[in-house]
Amino acid sequence: AARRVGFEPAECLVFEDCFNGMTGAIAAGCTVIGLHPEDVEPPAGVVALRDLHSSNSFEGVNAEMVQQWFAEIRAAKVNS
């Protein structure tokens, strides 16, 4: 899908709520923010929305916050 719109997967941020979707997005090379129940361990490489926002809800989230999260997650990937 990323290539269809002219982007590489590494340039994409995916919000996903199912394990298989998170796994697929990580395998494709995307940055993934997971919206999953607290009792479900996300796949390796997924950052939980609740860890970024203290909630599994988008209430109060704005574009600037999403841009900052994306930049921070990508920087952490490069530095690891």
Protein backbone atom coordinates (compact mmCIF):
# COMPACT_ATOMS: atom_id res chain seq x y z
CA ALA A 1 0.00 0.00 0.00
CA ALA A 2 2.84 2.39 0.83
CA ARG A 3 4.43 1.99 -2.57
CA ARG A 4 1.08 2.52 -4.29
CA VAL A 5 1.01 6.04 -2.88
CA GLY A 6 4.70 6.67 -3.53
CA PHE A 7 6.24 6.02 -0.12
CA GLU A 8 8.59 3.43 1.31
CA PRO A 9 7.27 1.46 4.30
CA ALA A 10 9.91 3.06 6.55
CA GLU A 11 8.23 6.41 5.86
CA CYS A 12 4.85 5.16 7.10
CA LEU A 13 3.22 5.24 10.51
CA VAL A 14 0.60 2.57 11.12
CA PHE A 15 -1.98 2.57 13.89
CA GLU A 16 -3.19 -1.01 14.30
CA ASP A 17 -5.40 -2.87 16.74
CA CYS A 18 -4.98 -6.51 15.73
CA PHE A 19 -1.95 -8.70 16.35
CA ASN A 20 -1.69 -9.93 12.75
CA GLY A 21 -1.96 -6.40 11.39
CA MET A 22 0.77 -5.19 13.75
CA THR A 23 2.97 -8.14 12.79
CA GLY A 24 2.47 -7.48 9.08
CA ALA A 25 3.17 -3.77 9.37
CA ILE A 26 6.38 -4.39 11.33
CA ALA A 27 7.48 -7.05 8.82
CA ALA A 28 6.88 -4.56 6.00
CA GLY A 29 9.18 -2.05 7.71
CA CYS A 30 6.59 0.43 8.97
CA THR A 31 6.57 2.17 12.31
CA VAL A 32 3.65 0.77 14.31
CA ILE A 33 1.65 2.17 17.19
CA GLY A 34 -0.51 -0.55 18.68
CA LEU A 35 -4.00 -0.11 20.08
CA HIS A 36 -4.35 -3.34 21.96
CA PRO A 37 -5.74 -4.49 25.30
CA GLU A 38 -3.43 -4.21 28.29
CA ASP A 39 -3.41 -7.98 28.75
CA VAL A 40 -2.16 -8.60 25.20
CA GLU A 41 1.57 -8.39 24.56
CA PRO A 42 2.19 -6.68 21.19
CA PRO A 43 4.67 -8.04 18.66
CA ALA A 44 8.29 -6.93 19.02
CA GLY A 45 8.85 -3.47 17.61
CA VAL A 46 5.32 -2.18 18.28
CA VAL A 47 4.92 0.84 20.54
CA ALA A 48 1.68 0.88 22.51
CA LEU A 49 -0.47 3.99 22.22
CA ARG A 50 -1.02 3.87 25.99
CA ASP A 51 2.77 4.18 26.49
CA LEU A 52 2.79 7.37 24.44
CA HIS A 53 -0.50 8.86 25.54
CA SER A 54 -1.41 7.13 28.84
CA SER A 55 -4.56 5.90 27.12
CA ASN A 56 -5.65 3.55 24.37
CA SER A 57 -7.90 6.31 23.02
CA PHE A 58 -7.22 9.08 20.52
CA GLU A 59 -9.11 11.57 22.66
CA GLY A 60 -6.91 14.65 23.02
CA VAL A 61 -4.44 13.53 20.34
CA ASN A 62 -3.55 16.07 17.67
CA ALA A 63 -1.40 16.04 14.53
CA GLU A 64 1.59 17.59 16.26
CA MET A 65 1.60 14.82 18.86
CA VAL A 66 1.48 12.15 16.17
CA GLN A 67 4.36 13.79 14.28
CA GLN A 68 6.42 13.92 17.47
CA TRP A 69 5.72 10.27 18.30
CA PHE A 70 6.67 9.20 14.78
CA ALA A 71 9.94 11.13 14.93
CA GLU A 72 10.81 9.78 18.39
CA ILE A 73 10.04 6.16 17.47
CA ARG A 74 12.04 6.39 14.24
CA ALA A 75 14.99 7.97 16.08
CA ALA A 76 14.90 5.21 18.70
CA LYS A 77 15.00 2.59 15.92
CA VAL A 78 18.08 4.21 14.39
CA ASN A 79 19.84 4.44 17.76
CA SER A 80 19.16 0.83 18.74
